Amino acid sequence: MKTIIVDGVKYVSEADYKAKKVAGVVPSKKQIVILQRGWVVVGDYSVVKDECVLTEAAVIRTWGTTKGLGELAESGPLTNTKIDRCPDMRFHPMTVIARMDVNDASWSGKY
């Protein structure tokens, strides 16, 4: 999707959003973010000015999955998942390896 940032807030065109929604892919605010040096974090992702911000953040120390990170994104934290809450995180966009939308309902109130 094409985006524009105004006063530090990221906007998406309504047409792009509806096209994604029709295709069954609605971007979630909460995302798993894979950062350089092996950090895997989860939280509400946004871009503010020249940095990425993760609020309601946590470090995923141990996945605890049998089917990889995608299982965690879809199912939420599992019995063997170890998550450490942390303050809001800020990081440079070039440290992001990948971002994964999560099933919001599976993650709601889980950490």
N, C-alpha and C. Protein backbone atom coordinates (compact mmCIF):
# COMPACT_ATOMS: atom_id res chain seq x y z
N MET A 1 0.83 -1.17 0.00
CA MET A 1 0.00 0.00 0.00
C MET A 1 0.87 1.24 0.00
N LYS A 2 0.44 2.23 -0.73
CA LYS A 2 1.13 3.51 -0.69
C LYS A 2 0.69 4.27 0.55
N THR A 3 1.63 4.95 1.17
CA THR A 3 1.31 5.71 2.38
C THR A 3 1.88 7.11 2.27
N ILE A 4 1.34 7.97 3.11
CA ILE A 4 1.86 9.33 3.23
C ILE A 4 1.92 9.63 4.73
N ILE A 5 2.93 10.36 5.14
CA ILE A 5 3.07 10.72 6.54
C ILE A 5 2.90 12.23 6.66
N VAL A 6 1.95 12.62 7.51
CA VAL A 6 1.67 14.03 7.77
C VAL A 6 1.78 14.24 9.27
N ASP A 7 2.66 15.15 9.65
CA ASP A 7 2.87 15.44 11.08
C ASP A 7 3.14 14.17 11.88
N GLY A 8 3.90 13.26 11.29
CA GLY A 8 4.29 12.05 11.99
C GLY A 8 3.24 10.95 12.02
N VAL A 9 2.10 11.14 11.35
CA VAL A 9 1.05 10.14 11.32
C VAL A 9 0.99 9.53 9.92
N LYS A 10 0.96 8.20 9.86
CA LYS A 10 0.95 7.48 8.59
C LYS A 10 -0.48 7.30 8.10
N TYR A 11 -0.75 7.64 6.84
CA TYR A 11 -2.08 7.51 6.25
C TYR A 11 -2.01 6.61 5.02
N VAL A 12 -3.08 5.86 4.81
CA VAL A 12 -3.21 4.96 3.67
C VAL A 12 -4.45 5.38 2.91
N SER A 13 -4.39 5.28 1.59
CA SER A 13 -5.58 5.67 0.82
C SER A 13 -6.72 4.70 1.09
N GLU A 14 -7.93 5.23 1.08
CA GLU A 14 -9.12 4.41 1.34
C GLU A 14 -9.23 3.30 0.29
N ALA A 15 -8.90 3.60 -0.95
CA ALA A 15 -8.99 2.60 -2.03
C ALA A 15 -8.04 1.44 -1.77
N ASP A 16 -6.79 1.75 -1.36
CA ASP A 16 -5.83 0.69 -1.06
C ASP A 16 -6.29 -0.16 0.11
N TYR A 17 -6.81 0.50 1.16
CA TYR A 17 -7.28 -0.23 2.33
C TYR A 17 -8.44 -1.16 1.97
N LYS A 18 -9.41 -0.64 1.19
CA LYS A 18 -10.56 -1.45 0.79
C LYS A 18 -10.13 -2.61 -0.09
N ALA A 19 -9.15 -2.38 -0.98
CA ALA A 19 -8.66 -3.45 -1.85
C ALA A 19 -8.04 -4.57 -1.02
N LYS A 20 -7.27 -4.22 -0.01
CA LYS A 20 -6.67 -5.22 0.88
C LYS A 20 -7.76 -5.96 1.64
N LYS A 21 -8.76 -5.21 2.12
CA LYS A 21 -9.84 -5.80 2.90
C LYS A 21 -10.63 -6.79 2.05
N VAL A 22 -10.92 -6.41 0.80
CA VAL A 22 -11.65 -7.28 -0.11
C VAL A 22 -10.86 -8.56 -0.36
N ALA A 23 -9.54 -8.44 -0.44
CA ALA A 23 -8.69 -9.60 -0.68
C ALA A 23 -8.55 -10.47 0.58
N GLY A 24 -9.18 -10.04 1.67
CA GLY A 24 -9.11 -10.82 2.90
C GLY A 24 -7.88 -10.51 3.74
N VAL A 25 -7.17 -9.47 3.39
CA VAL A 25 -5.96 -9.11 4.13
C VAL A 25 -6.15 -7.71 4.69
N VAL A 26 -6.43 -7.63 5.97
CA VAL A 26 -6.56 -6.35 6.63
C VAL A 26 -5.36 -6.20 7.55
N PRO A 27 -4.51 -5.21 7.29
CA PRO A 27 -3.32 -5.06 8.12
C PRO A 27 -3.70 -4.85 9.59
N SER A 28 -3.00 -5.56 10.46
CA SER A 28 -3.27 -5.39 11.88
C SER A 28 -2.34 -4.33 12.44
N LYS A 29 -2.82 -3.62 13.46
CA LYS A 29 -1.97 -2.64 14.12
C LYS A 29 -0.89 -3.37 14.91
N LYS A 30 -1.27 -4.45 15.57
CA LYS A 30 -0.31 -5.24 16.33
C LYS A 30 0.46 -6.12 15.35
N GLN A 31 1.78 -6.09 15.49
CA GLN A 31 2.63 -6.86 14.58
C GLN A 31 3.79 -7.49 15.32
N ILE A 32 4.25 -8.60 14.79
CA ILE A 32 5.52 -9.17 15.22
C ILE A 32 6.57 -8.52 14.33
N VAL A 33 7.61 -7.97 14.95
CA VAL A 33 8.67 -7.30 14.20
C VAL A 33 9.97 -8.04 14.45
N ILE A 34 10.63 -8.42 13.37
CA ILE A 34 11.93 -9.09 13.47
C ILE A 34 12.99 -8.03 13.20
N LEU A 35 13.85 -7.84 14.19
CA LEU A 35 14.89 -6.82 14.10
C LEU A 35 16.26 -7.47 13.95
N GLN A 36 17.23 -6.66 13.60
CA GLN A 36 18.60 -7.14 13.50
C GLN A 36 19.06 -7.72 14.84
N ARG A 37 20.08 -8.56 14.77
CA ARG A 37 20.72 -9.17 15.95
C ARG A 37 19.80 -10.12 16.70
N GLY A 38 18.77 -10.64 16.01
CA GLY A 38 17.95 -11.69 16.59
C GLY A 38 16.81 -11.25 17.48
N TRP A 39 16.54 -9.97 17.56
CA TRP A 39 15.43 -9.50 18.40
C TRP A 39 14.11 -9.76 17.68
N VAL A 40 13.16 -10.34 18.40
CA VAL A 40 11.81 -10.54 17.89
C VAL A 40 10.87 -9.91 18.91
N VAL A 41 10.10 -8.93 18.46
CA VAL A 41 9.26 -8.16 19.36
C VAL A 41 7.83 -8.12 18.82
N VAL A 42 6.90 -7.78 19.68
CA VAL A 42 5.50 -7.68 19.29
C VAL A 42 4.91 -6.43 19.94
N GLY A 43 3.98 -5.81 19.23
CA GLY A 43 3.32 -4.63 19.78
C GLY A 43 2.56 -3.90 18.70
N ASP A 44 2.01 -2.76 19.08
CA ASP A 44 1.28 -1.91 18.13
C ASP A 44 2.28 -1.06 17.37
N TYR A 45 2.43 -1.33 16.09
CA TYR A 45 3.47 -0.75 15.25
C TYR A 45 3.00 0.55 14.59
N SER A 46 3.88 1.54 14.60
CA SER A 46 3.62 2.77 13.85
C SER A 46 4.95 3.40 13.46
N VAL A 47 4.86 4.36 12.58
CA VAL A 47 6.05 5.12 12.18
C VAL A 47 5.80 6.57 12.58
N VAL A 48 6.73 7.14 13.34
CA VAL A 48 6.62 8.52 13.79
C VAL A 48 7.89 9.23 13.36
N LYS A 49 7.70 10.21 12.47
CA LYS A 49 8.82 10.95 11.89
C LYS A 49 9.81 9.99 11.27
N ASP A 50 11.03 9.91 11.79
CA ASP A 50 12.05 9.06 11.15
C ASP A 50 12.36 7.81 11.95
N GLU A 51 11.42 7.37 12.80
CA GLU A 51 11.68 6.17 13.57
C GLU A 51 10.43 5.30 13.68
N CYS A 52 10.64 4.02 13.90
CA CYS A 52 9.55 3.08 14.13
C CYS A 52 9.26 3.07 15.63
N VAL A 53 7.99 2.94 15.97
CA VAL A 53 7.60 2.92 17.37
C VAL A 53 6.72 1.69 17.60
N LEU A 54 6.99 0.99 18.69
CA LEU A 54 6.20 -0.15 19.10
C LEU A 54 5.65 0.14 20.49
N THR A 55 4.33 0.33 20.59
CA THR A 55 3.70 0.55 21.89
C THR A 55 3.04 -0.75 22.34
N GLU A 56 2.69 -0.82 23.62
CA GLU A 56 2.19 -2.09 24.17
C GLU A 56 3.15 -3.19 23.76
N ALA A 57 4.43 -2.95 23.98
CA ALA A 57 5.49 -3.78 23.43
C ALA A 57 5.92 -4.92 24.35
N ALA A 58 6.48 -5.95 23.72
CA ALA A 58 7.06 -7.07 24.45
C ALA A 58 8.11 -7.74 23.58
N VAL A 59 9.09 -8.33 24.23
CA VAL A 59 10.11 -9.13 23.55
C VAL A 59 9.65 -10.57 23.58
N ILE A 60 9.68 -11.23 22.42
CA ILE A 60 9.35 -12.66 22.37
C ILE A 60 10.68 -13.39 22.55
N ARG A 61 10.92 -13.86 23.76
CA ARG A 61 12.20 -14.49 24.10
C ARG A 61 12.25 -15.93 23.59
N THR A 62 11.14 -16.65 23.71
CA THR A 62 11.06 -18.03 23.23
C THR A 62 9.74 -18.20 22.48
N TRP A 63 9.83 -18.67 21.24
CA TRP A 63 8.62 -18.81 20.44
C TRP A 63 7.69 -19.86 21.03
N GLY A 64 8.21 -21.03 21.35
CA GLY A 64 7.40 -22.12 21.90
C GLY A 64 6.47 -22.75 20.88
N THR A 65 6.85 -22.70 19.61
CA THR A 65 6.00 -23.23 18.55
C THR A 65 6.58 -24.50 17.95
N THR A 66 5.76 -25.20 17.19
CA THR A 66 6.24 -26.33 16.40
C THR A 66 6.20 -26.00 14.91
N LYS A 67 5.53 -24.88 14.56
CA LYS A 67 5.36 -24.51 13.16
C LYS A 67 5.91 -23.12 12.85
N GLY A 68 6.82 -22.63 13.69
CA GLY A 68 7.49 -21.38 13.40
C GLY A 68 6.75 -20.14 13.85
N LEU A 69 7.26 -19.02 13.44
CA LEU A 69 6.76 -17.73 13.86
C LEU A 69 5.35 -17.46 13.33
N GLY A 70 5.03 -17.99 12.18
CA GLY A 70 3.68 -17.83 11.62
C GLY A 70 2.61 -18.42 12.53
N GLU A 71 2.92 -19.53 13.17
CA GLU A 71 1.99 -20.14 14.12
C GLU A 71 1.72 -19.19 15.28
N LEU A 72 2.76 -18.56 15.74
CA LEU A 72 2.63 -17.60 16.84
C LEU A 72 1.78 -16.40 16.41
N ALA A 73 2.00 -15.91 15.19
CA ALA A 73 1.23 -14.77 14.68
C ALA A 73 -0.26 -15.11 14.60
N GLU A 74 -0.57 -16.31 14.15
CA GLU A 74 -1.97 -16.70 13.98
C GLU A 74 -2.64 -17.13 15.29
N SER A 75 -1.92 -17.87 16.13
CA SER A 75 -2.52 -18.47 17.32
C SER A 75 -2.33 -17.66 18.59
N GLY A 76 -1.43 -16.69 18.56
CA GLY A 76 -1.10 -15.96 19.77
C GLY A 76 -0.11 -16.76 20.60
N PRO A 77 0.24 -16.25 21.78
CA PRO A 77 1.21 -16.94 22.63
C PRO A 77 0.72 -18.33 23.01
N LEU A 78 1.64 -19.29 22.95
CA LEU A 78 1.33 -20.68 23.29
C LEU A 78 1.86 -21.00 24.69
N THR A 79 1.62 -22.22 25.15
CA THR A 79 2.04 -22.63 26.49
C THR A 79 3.53 -22.40 26.72
N ASN A 80 4.36 -22.72 25.74
CA ASN A 80 5.81 -22.61 25.91
C ASN A 80 6.39 -21.29 25.42
N THR A 81 5.54 -20.36 25.02
CA THR A 81 6.01 -19.05 24.56
C THR A 81 6.41 -18.22 25.78
N LYS A 82 7.58 -17.58 25.68
CA LYS A 82 8.03 -16.69 26.75
C LYS A 82 8.06 -15.27 26.22
N ILE A 83 7.26 -14.41 26.83
CA ILE A 83 7.13 -13.02 26.40
C ILE A 83 7.46 -12.11 27.58
N ASP A 84 8.30 -11.13 27.33
CA ASP A 84 8.69 -10.18 28.38
C ASP A 84 8.18 -8.80 28.01
N ARG A 85 7.22 -8.29 28.79
CA ARG A 85 6.71 -6.93 28.58
C ARG A 85 7.86 -5.94 28.68
N CYS A 86 7.77 -4.85 27.96
CA CYS A 86 8.80 -3.82 28.03
C CYS A 86 8.16 -2.47 27.73
N PRO A 87 8.87 -1.38 28.05
CA PRO A 87 8.34 -0.06 27.69
C PRO A 87 8.25 0.08 26.17
N ASP A 88 7.61 1.16 25.74
CA ASP A 88 7.54 1.44 24.30
C ASP A 88 8.94 1.38 23.71
N MET A 89 9.02 0.85 22.49
CA MET A 89 10.31 0.72 21.81
C MET A 89 10.37 1.67 20.63
N ARG A 90 11.54 2.19 20.38
CA ARG A 90 11.79 3.02 19.20
C ARG A 90 13.03 2.48 18.52
N PHE A 91 12.98 2.37 17.21
CA PHE A 91 14.12 1.83 16.49
C PHE A 91 14.14 2.38 15.07
N HIS A 92 15.31 2.36 14.49
CA HIS A 92 15.51 2.88 13.14
C HIS A 92 14.87 1.94 12.13
N PRO A 93 14.21 2.46 11.11
CA PRO A 93 13.58 1.59 10.11
C PRO A 93 14.54 0.61 9.44
N MET A 94 15.81 0.97 9.33
CA MET A 94 16.75 0.07 8.65
C MET A 94 17.15 -1.13 9.52
N THR A 95 16.71 -1.17 10.78
CA THR A 95 17.00 -2.34 11.62
C THR A 95 15.91 -3.40 11.50
N VAL A 96 14.84 -3.08 10.77
CA VAL A 96 13.72 -4.01 10.61
C VAL A 96 14.05 -5.01 9.50
N ILE A 97 14.01 -6.29 9.85
CA ILE A 97 14.21 -7.36 8.86
C ILE A 97 12.87 -7.70 8.20
N ALA A 98 11.83 -7.84 9.05
CA ALA A 98 10.50 -8.18 8.54
C ALA A 98 9.45 -7.83 9.58
N ARG A 99 8.22 -7.65 9.09
CA ARG A 99 7.07 -7.42 9.97
C ARG A 99 5.98 -8.41 9.59
N MET A 100 5.27 -8.92 10.59
CA MET A 100 4.24 -9.90 10.34
C MET A 100 2.95 -9.47 11.05
N ASP A 101 1.87 -9.36 10.29
CA ASP A 101 0.57 -9.08 10.91
C ASP A 101 0.21 -10.25 11.81
N VAL A 102 -0.49 -9.95 12.89
CA VAL A 102 -0.93 -11.01 13.79
C VAL A 102 -2.45 -11.03 13.85
N ASN A 103 -2.99 -12.11 14.32
CA ASN A 103 -4.42 -12.23 14.56
C ASN A 103 -4.69 -11.46 15.85
N ASP A 104 -5.29 -10.27 15.72
CA ASP A 104 -5.50 -9.41 16.88
C ASP A 104 -6.26 -10.11 18.01
N ALA A 105 -7.26 -10.89 17.67
CA ALA A 105 -8.06 -11.56 18.70
C ALA A 105 -7.22 -12.57 19.48
N SER A 106 -6.28 -13.23 18.81
CA SER A 106 -5.43 -14.23 19.47
C SER A 106 -4.41 -13.59 20.40
N TRP A 107 -4.11 -12.32 20.20
CA TRP A 107 -3.09 -11.63 21.00
C TRP A 107 -3.69 -10.71 22.06
N SER A 108 -4.96 -10.42 21.96
CA SER A 108 -5.60 -9.46 22.85
C SER A 108 -5.48 -9.89 24.32
N GLY A 109 -4.82 -9.06 25.13
CA GLY A 109 -4.68 -9.31 26.56
C GLY A 109 -3.81 -10.48 26.94
N LYS A 110 -2.95 -10.95 26.03
CA LYS A 110 -2.14 -12.14 26.30
C LYS A 110 -0.77 -11.87 26.93
N TYR A 111 -0.42 -10.59 27.05
CA TYR A 111 0.87 -10.29 27.71
C TYR A 111 0.80 -8.96 28.39
